[in-house]
Amino acid sequence: QAEEELKAAWSQQAGQLRELGRRERLLRADVQRAGEQLESFKTRLMQVCSPSAAGSTGESVTEHQVIEKVRQISDENQQSHEREKSLQKELSSRLTKEREVSANIEVFKNSLQKLQ
């Protein structure tokens, strides 16, 4: 009876080991697939950001290149926003001056009409 119990325990352990092996193979395949997807994403990102820097010769794009390109795009975006704010302020100032000139012209027209 003890031998039967040992055989059953051994069989159960062997089944668990096979299941762990299967899970390990699946996880390794998932990790490899994720790595390939990351590399593909980095290359596509660089192609979108800068086709000439994307490694058109087939070389892989480094994480540093991707980070630098994203940083560059972020800086350019920030500069663009600052320029937009500056232009909006300038436009607002010019509109205010235009309103003042228009108001002065109206006053001048009214004064001129009264004089006539």
N, C-alpha and C. Protein backbone atom coordinates (compact mmCIF):
# COMPACT_ATOMS: atom_id res chain seq x y z
N GLN A 1 0.83 -1.19 0.00
CA GLN A 1 0.00 0.00 0.00
C GLN A 1 0.89 1.27 0.00
N ALA A 2 1.97 1.25 0.74
CA ALA A 2 2.89 2.37 0.78
C ALA A 2 3.49 2.59 -0.59
N GLU A 3 3.78 1.46 -1.27
CA GLU A 3 4.34 1.57 -2.64
C GLU A 3 3.33 2.22 -3.58
N GLU A 4 2.08 1.88 -3.44
CA GLU A 4 1.03 2.47 -4.27
C GLU A 4 0.91 3.98 -4.00
N GLU A 5 1.00 4.35 -2.73
CA GLU A 5 0.94 5.76 -2.37
C GLU A 5 2.13 6.52 -2.94
N LEU A 6 3.32 5.91 -2.88
CA LEU A 6 4.51 6.54 -3.44
C LEU A 6 4.39 6.69 -4.94
N LYS A 7 3.87 5.67 -5.60
CA LYS A 7 3.68 5.75 -7.05
C LYS A 7 2.70 6.85 -7.41
N ALA A 8 1.60 6.96 -6.64
CA ALA A 8 0.60 8.00 -6.89
C ALA A 8 1.21 9.38 -6.66
N ALA A 9 1.98 9.53 -5.57
CA ALA A 9 2.62 10.81 -5.29
C ALA A 9 3.63 11.14 -6.39
N TRP A 10 4.40 10.14 -6.81
CA TRP A 10 5.39 10.33 -7.88
C TRP A 10 4.70 10.75 -9.17
N SER A 11 3.62 10.09 -9.49
CA SER A 11 2.85 10.40 -10.70
C SER A 11 2.30 11.83 -10.63
N GLN A 12 1.82 12.21 -9.45
CA GLN A 12 1.29 13.56 -9.28
C GLN A 12 2.40 14.59 -9.42
N GLN A 13 3.56 14.33 -8.83
CA GLN A 13 4.70 15.23 -8.93
C GLN A 13 5.16 15.35 -10.38
N ALA A 14 5.21 14.24 -11.08
CA ALA A 14 5.63 14.25 -12.48
C ALA A 14 4.66 15.07 -13.32
N GLY A 15 3.37 14.97 -13.05
CA GLY A 15 2.37 15.75 -13.77
C GLY A 15 2.53 17.24 -13.50
N GLN A 16 2.82 17.57 -12.24
CA GLN A 16 3.04 18.97 -11.89
C GLN A 16 4.30 19.52 -12.57
N LEU A 17 5.35 18.70 -12.62
CA LEU A 17 6.57 19.12 -13.30
C LEU A 17 6.33 19.34 -14.79
N ARG A 18 5.57 18.45 -15.41
CA ARG A 18 5.25 18.63 -16.83
C ARG A 18 4.46 19.92 -17.05
N GLU A 19 3.52 20.20 -16.15
CA GLU A 19 2.72 21.42 -16.26
C GLU A 19 3.61 22.66 -16.07
N LEU A 20 4.51 22.62 -15.11
CA LEU A 20 5.44 23.74 -14.91
C LEU A 20 6.33 23.94 -16.13
N GLY A 21 6.79 22.85 -16.73
CA GLY A 21 7.61 22.94 -17.95
C GLY A 21 6.83 23.57 -19.09
N ARG A 22 5.57 23.16 -19.22
CA ARG A 22 4.72 23.72 -20.27
C ARG A 22 4.52 25.21 -20.05
N ARG A 23 4.25 25.61 -18.82
CA ARG A 23 4.07 27.03 -18.51
C ARG A 23 5.35 27.81 -18.77
N GLU A 24 6.49 27.23 -18.41
CA GLU A 24 7.76 27.90 -18.65
C GLU A 24 7.99 28.13 -20.14
N ARG A 25 7.70 27.14 -20.96
CA ARG A 25 7.85 27.29 -22.42
C ARG A 25 6.93 28.38 -22.95
N LEU A 26 5.69 28.41 -22.45
CA LEU A 26 4.75 29.45 -22.88
C LEU A 26 5.25 30.84 -22.47
N LEU A 27 5.75 30.95 -21.25
CA LEU A 27 6.26 32.24 -20.78
C LEU A 27 7.48 32.68 -21.58
N ARG A 28 8.37 31.75 -21.88
CA ARG A 28 9.54 32.10 -22.69
C ARG A 28 9.12 32.58 -24.08
N ALA A 29 8.12 31.92 -24.66
CA ALA A 29 7.62 32.32 -25.97
C ALA A 29 6.99 33.71 -25.89
N ASP A 30 6.25 33.96 -24.80
CA ASP A 30 5.64 35.28 -24.62
C ASP A 30 6.69 36.37 -24.46
N VAL A 31 7.74 36.09 -23.70
CA VAL A 31 8.81 37.06 -23.50
C VAL A 31 9.53 37.34 -24.82
N GLN A 32 9.78 36.30 -25.58
CA GLN A 32 10.44 36.49 -26.88
C GLN A 32 9.56 37.31 -27.82
N ARG A 33 8.28 36.99 -27.84
CA ARG A 33 7.34 37.72 -28.69
C ARG A 33 7.25 39.19 -28.27
N ALA A 34 7.23 39.44 -26.95
CA ALA A 34 7.18 40.82 -26.45
C ALA A 34 8.44 41.58 -26.84
N GLY A 35 9.59 40.92 -26.78
CA GLY A 35 10.84 41.55 -27.19
C GLY A 35 10.83 41.91 -28.66
N GLU A 36 10.32 41.01 -29.48
CA GLU A 36 10.22 41.28 -30.92
C GLU A 36 9.26 42.43 -31.18
N GLN A 37 8.15 42.46 -30.45
CA GLN A 37 7.18 43.55 -30.62
C GLN A 37 7.79 44.88 -30.20
N LEU A 38 8.56 44.88 -29.12
CA LEU A 38 9.21 46.11 -28.66
C LEU A 38 10.19 46.61 -29.71
N GLU A 39 10.98 45.71 -30.27
CA GLU A 39 11.95 46.10 -31.29
C GLU A 39 11.23 46.66 -32.52
N SER A 40 10.14 46.01 -32.90
CA SER A 40 9.36 46.48 -34.04
C SER A 40 8.76 47.84 -33.76
N PHE A 41 8.24 48.02 -32.54
CA PHE A 41 7.66 49.31 -32.15
C PHE A 41 8.71 50.41 -32.18
N LYS A 42 9.90 50.13 -31.64
CA LYS A 42 10.96 51.14 -31.64
C LYS A 42 11.32 51.52 -33.07
N THR A 43 11.44 50.55 -33.94
CA THR A 43 11.80 50.84 -35.33
C THR A 43 10.71 51.66 -36.01
N ARG A 44 9.44 51.26 -35.81
CA ARG A 44 8.34 52.02 -36.41
C ARG A 44 8.29 53.44 -35.86
N LEU A 45 8.52 53.59 -34.55
CA LEU A 45 8.52 54.92 -33.93
C LEU A 45 9.59 55.79 -34.57
N MET A 46 10.77 55.24 -34.75
CA MET A 46 11.86 56.01 -35.35
C MET A 46 11.56 56.32 -36.81
N GLN A 47 10.90 55.40 -37.51
CA GLN A 47 10.55 55.67 -38.91
C GLN A 47 9.56 56.82 -38.99
N VAL A 48 8.62 56.87 -38.06
CA VAL A 48 7.64 57.95 -38.05
C VAL A 48 8.32 59.26 -37.66
N CYS A 49 9.17 59.20 -36.63
CA CYS A 49 9.81 60.42 -36.12
C CYS A 49 10.89 60.93 -37.06
N SER A 50 11.66 60.04 -37.57
CA SER A 50 12.80 60.44 -38.38
C SER A 50 13.19 59.29 -39.30
N PRO A 51 12.63 59.23 -40.50
CA PRO A 51 12.91 58.11 -41.39
C PRO A 51 14.40 57.88 -41.63
N SER A 52 15.19 58.93 -41.69
CA SER A 52 16.61 58.75 -41.97
C SER A 52 17.35 58.11 -40.80
N ALA A 53 16.81 58.26 -39.57
CA ALA A 53 17.47 57.70 -38.39
C ALA A 53 16.92 56.33 -38.02
N ALA A 54 15.99 55.83 -38.79
CA ALA A 54 15.28 54.61 -38.40
C ALA A 54 16.03 53.34 -38.72
N GLY A 55 17.22 53.45 -39.20
CA GLY A 55 17.95 52.23 -39.49
C GLY A 55 17.44 51.57 -40.75
N SER A 56 17.36 52.33 -41.83
CA SER A 56 16.84 51.78 -43.08
C SER A 56 17.73 50.67 -43.61
N THR A 57 18.93 50.56 -43.05
CA THR A 57 19.84 49.49 -43.49
C THR A 57 19.53 48.20 -42.77
N GLY A 58 18.51 48.21 -41.91
CA GLY A 58 18.10 47.00 -41.22
C GLY A 58 18.68 46.89 -39.82
N GLU A 59 19.50 47.84 -39.40
CA GLU A 59 20.06 47.77 -38.06
C GLU A 59 18.98 48.11 -37.04
N SER A 60 19.08 47.52 -35.86
CA SER A 60 18.04 47.76 -34.85
C SER A 60 18.24 49.13 -34.21
N VAL A 61 17.15 49.68 -33.75
CA VAL A 61 17.15 51.00 -33.14
C VAL A 61 17.35 50.81 -31.64
N THR A 62 18.25 51.59 -31.06
CA THR A 62 18.50 51.45 -29.62
C THR A 62 17.47 52.22 -28.82
N GLU A 63 17.30 51.80 -27.57
CA GLU A 63 16.37 52.50 -26.69
C GLU A 63 16.82 53.95 -26.52
N HIS A 64 18.12 54.17 -26.46
CA HIS A 64 18.65 55.53 -26.31
C HIS A 64 18.22 56.40 -27.48
N GLN A 65 18.28 55.86 -28.71
CA GLN A 65 17.85 56.63 -29.89
C GLN A 65 16.38 56.99 -29.78
N VAL A 66 15.56 56.04 -29.35
CA VAL A 66 14.12 56.29 -29.23
C VAL A 66 13.88 57.35 -28.16
N ILE A 67 14.54 57.22 -27.02
CA ILE A 67 14.36 58.19 -25.94
C ILE A 67 14.79 59.58 -26.38
N GLU A 68 15.92 59.67 -27.04
CA GLU A 68 16.40 60.97 -27.52
C GLU A 68 15.43 61.59 -28.53
N LYS A 69 14.89 60.77 -29.42
CA LYS A 69 13.96 61.28 -30.43
C LYS A 69 12.68 61.76 -29.76
N VAL A 70 12.17 61.00 -28.80
CA VAL A 70 10.95 61.41 -28.08
C VAL A 70 11.23 62.70 -27.31
N ARG A 71 12.41 62.79 -26.69
CA ARG A 71 12.78 64.01 -25.96
C ARG A 71 12.85 65.20 -26.92
N GLN A 72 13.44 64.98 -28.10
CA GLN A 72 13.55 66.05 -29.09
C GLN A 72 12.16 66.51 -29.53
N ILE A 73 11.27 65.57 -29.80
CA ILE A 73 9.92 65.91 -30.22
C ILE A 73 9.20 66.66 -29.10
N SER A 74 9.40 66.22 -27.86
CA SER A 74 8.78 66.90 -26.72
C SER A 74 9.28 68.33 -26.60
N ASP A 75 10.59 68.53 -26.76
CA ASP A 75 11.15 69.88 -26.71
C ASP A 75 10.59 70.76 -27.82
N GLU A 76 10.52 70.21 -29.02
CA GLU A 76 9.97 70.96 -30.15
C GLU A 76 8.51 71.32 -29.90
N ASN A 77 7.78 70.39 -29.31
CA ASN A 77 6.37 70.64 -28.99
C ASN A 77 6.24 71.76 -27.97
N GLN A 78 7.11 71.74 -26.94
CA GLN A 78 7.09 72.78 -25.92
C GLN A 78 7.41 74.14 -26.54
N GLN A 79 8.42 74.20 -27.41
CA GLN A 79 8.77 75.44 -28.07
C GLN A 79 7.62 75.95 -28.94
N SER A 80 6.96 75.02 -29.60
CA SER A 80 5.82 75.39 -30.43
C SER A 80 4.70 76.00 -29.59
N HIS A 81 4.43 75.40 -28.43
CA HIS A 81 3.39 75.94 -27.54
C HIS A 81 3.77 77.33 -27.04
N GLU A 82 5.03 77.50 -26.68
CA GLU A 82 5.48 78.81 -26.21
C GLU A 82 5.36 79.85 -27.32
N ARG A 83 5.72 79.48 -28.53
CA ARG A 83 5.60 80.40 -29.68
C ARG A 83 4.13 80.74 -29.92
N GLU A 84 3.26 79.74 -29.81
CA GLU A 84 1.82 79.97 -29.99
C GLU A 84 1.29 80.95 -28.95
N LYS A 85 1.70 80.78 -27.68
CA LYS A 85 1.27 81.71 -26.63
C LYS A 85 1.75 83.12 -26.92
N SER A 86 3.00 83.23 -27.36
CA SER A 86 3.57 84.53 -27.67
C SER A 86 2.78 85.20 -28.80
N LEU A 87 2.48 84.44 -29.84
CA LEU A 87 1.72 84.99 -30.97
C LEU A 87 0.30 85.37 -30.55
N GLN A 88 -0.30 84.58 -29.66
CA GLN A 88 -1.64 84.93 -29.18
C GLN A 88 -1.62 86.24 -28.38
N LYS A 89 -0.58 86.41 -27.56
CA LYS A 89 -0.46 87.67 -26.82
C LYS A 89 -0.28 88.84 -27.78
N GLU A 90 0.56 88.65 -28.78
CA GLU A 90 0.79 89.71 -29.77
C GLU A 90 -0.49 90.04 -30.51
N LEU A 91 -1.23 89.03 -30.92
CA LEU A 91 -2.49 89.23 -31.62
C LEU A 91 -3.49 89.97 -30.74
N SER A 92 -3.57 89.55 -29.48
CA SER A 92 -4.48 90.21 -28.54
C SER A 92 -4.11 91.68 -28.37
N SER A 93 -2.83 91.95 -28.27
CA SER A 93 -2.36 93.33 -28.12
C SER A 93 -2.72 94.15 -29.36
N ARG A 94 -2.50 93.57 -30.53
CA ARG A 94 -2.82 94.29 -31.77
C ARG A 94 -4.32 94.53 -31.90
N LEU A 95 -5.13 93.56 -31.50
CA LEU A 95 -6.58 93.74 -31.56
C LEU A 95 -7.03 94.87 -30.62
N THR A 96 -6.42 94.92 -29.44
CA THR A 96 -6.74 95.98 -28.49
C THR A 96 -6.39 97.34 -29.09
N LYS A 97 -5.20 97.44 -29.69
CA LYS A 97 -4.79 98.70 -30.32
C LYS A 97 -5.71 99.06 -31.47
N GLU A 98 -6.13 98.05 -32.24
CA GLU A 98 -7.03 98.29 -33.37
C GLU A 98 -8.37 98.83 -32.88
N ARG A 99 -8.87 98.27 -31.77
CA ARG A 99 -10.13 98.76 -31.20
C ARG A 99 -9.99 100.21 -30.74
N GLU A 100 -8.84 100.51 -30.11
CA GLU A 100 -8.60 101.88 -29.66
C GLU A 100 -8.56 102.84 -30.85
N VAL A 101 -7.88 102.44 -31.92
CA VAL A 101 -7.79 103.29 -33.11
C VAL A 101 -9.18 103.46 -33.72
N SER A 102 -9.95 102.37 -33.78
CA SER A 102 -11.30 102.46 -34.33
C SER A 102 -12.16 103.41 -33.49
N ALA A 103 -12.03 103.29 -32.18
CA ALA A 103 -12.80 104.18 -31.30
C ALA A 103 -12.38 105.62 -31.51
N ASN A 104 -11.08 105.87 -31.65
CA ASN A 104 -10.59 107.23 -31.90
C ASN A 104 -11.07 107.75 -33.25
N ILE A 105 -11.11 106.88 -34.24
CA ILE A 105 -11.60 107.29 -35.56
C ILE A 105 -13.07 107.68 -35.47
N GLU A 106 -13.85 106.92 -34.71
CA GLU A 106 -15.27 107.26 -34.53
C GLU A 106 -15.42 108.62 -33.84
N VAL A 107 -14.63 108.84 -32.83
CA VAL A 107 -14.67 110.13 -32.13
C VAL A 107 -14.28 111.23 -33.11
N PHE A 108 -13.25 110.99 -33.89
CA PHE A 108 -12.80 111.97 -34.87
C PHE A 108 -13.88 112.25 -35.91
N LYS A 109 -14.54 111.18 -36.40
CA LYS A 109 -15.62 111.35 -37.39
C LYS A 109 -16.76 112.17 -36.80
N ASN A 110 -17.13 111.84 -35.58
CA ASN A 110 -18.22 112.58 -34.92
C ASN A 110 -17.85 114.04 -34.74
N SER A 111 -16.63 114.27 -34.32
CA SER A 111 -16.17 115.66 -34.15
C SER A 111 -16.16 116.38 -35.48
N LEU A 112 -15.72 115.70 -36.52
CA LEU A 112 -15.67 116.30 -37.85
C LEU A 112 -17.07 116.62 -38.36
N GLN A 113 -18.02 115.75 -38.13
CA GLN A 113 -19.40 115.97 -38.55
C GLN A 113 -20.01 117.15 -37.81
N LYS A 114 -19.69 117.27 -36.54
CA LYS A 114 -20.22 118.39 -35.75
C LYS A 114 -19.64 119.71 -36.24
N LEU A 115 -18.37 119.67 -36.64
CA LEU A 115 -17.73 120.88 -37.14
C LEU A 115 -18.32 121.30 -38.49
N GLN A 116 -18.72 120.34 -39.28
CA GLN A 116 -19.27 120.66 -40.60
C GLN A 116 -20.68 121.20 -40.41
